[in-house]
């Protein structure tokens, strides 16, 4: 599921790094390996969201 484009990533609490990574992979699969300008913007937003979600500060203690 793609979210509407925004300039800031969603809070990491909403989606895990794995979920965001899955969306990144799906975006690349749908694009056939070449991203349009719009897809590149989505990709950049997703990468930022993934980085926030995968940072040590965002992981929950087990």
Protein backbone atom coordinates (compact mmCIF):
# COMPACT_ATOMS: atom_id res chain seq x y z
CA UNK A 1 0.00 0.00 0.00
CA UNK A 2 1.43 3.36 -0.99
CA UNK A 3 0.78 6.36 1.17
CA UNK A 4 0.14 9.81 -0.20
CA UNK A 5 3.35 11.63 -0.89
CA UNK A 6 4.54 13.94 1.84
CA UNK A 7 7.77 15.73 2.59
CA UNK A 8 8.24 14.00 5.94
CA UNK A 9 8.27 10.30 6.71
CA UNK A 10 5.56 8.83 8.88
CA UNK A 11 6.47 8.27 12.51
CA UNK A 12 8.33 4.99 12.99
CA UNK A 13 5.75 3.90 15.57
CA UNK A 14 3.21 3.48 12.77
CA UNK A 15 5.22 1.05 10.62
CA UNK A 16 8.24 -1.13 11.24
CA UNK A 17 11.41 -0.98 9.16
CA UNK A 18 10.43 -4.35 7.68
CA UNK A 19 7.06 -3.00 6.55
CA UNK A 20 8.65 0.05 4.95
CA UNK A 21 11.32 -2.12 3.31
CA UNK A 22 8.57 -4.32 1.86
CA UNK A 23 6.96 -1.23 0.32
CA UNK A 24 10.30 -0.08 -1.11
CA UNK A 25 10.83 -3.49 -2.72
CA UNK A 26 7.30 -3.46 -4.14
CA UNK A 27 7.88 0.00 -5.62
CA UNK A 28 11.03 -1.21 -7.40
CA UNK A 29 9.27 -4.37 -8.59
CA UNK A 30 6.35 -2.38 -10.03
CA UNK A 31 8.69 0.07 -11.73
CA UNK A 32 10.65 -2.59 -13.57
CA UNK A 33 13.90 -1.15 -12.23
CA UNK A 34 13.46 2.42 -13.48
CA UNK A 35 11.70 4.99 -11.32
CA UNK A 36 9.77 7.94 -12.70
CA UNK A 37 10.26 11.37 -11.12
CA UNK A 38 7.17 10.82 -8.98
CA UNK A 39 8.29 7.33 -7.96
CA UNK A 40 11.74 8.69 -7.02
CA UNK A 41 10.06 11.16 -4.66
CA UNK A 42 8.06 8.32 -3.09
CA UNK A 43 11.24 6.23 -2.85
CA UNK A 44 13.15 9.03 -1.11
CA UNK A 45 10.33 9.48 1.39
CA UNK A 46 10.22 5.73 2.04
CA UNK A 47 13.99 5.55 2.54
CA UNK A 48 13.79 8.34 5.12
CA UNK A 49 10.93 6.56 6.86
CA UNK A 50 12.89 3.29 6.80
CA UNK A 51 15.96 5.01 8.30
CA UNK A 52 13.89 6.43 11.15
CA UNK A 53 12.14 3.10 11.74
CA UNK A 54 15.42 1.16 11.75
CA UNK A 55 17.35 3.52 14.02
CA UNK A 56 18.22 2.15 17.48
CA UNK A 57 16.10 4.84 19.17
CA UNK A 58 12.97 3.61 17.41
CA UNK A 59 13.27 -0.09 18.27
CA UNK A 60 11.16 -1.30 21.14
CA UNK A 61 12.71 -3.17 24.05
CA UNK A 62 11.61 -6.79 24.15
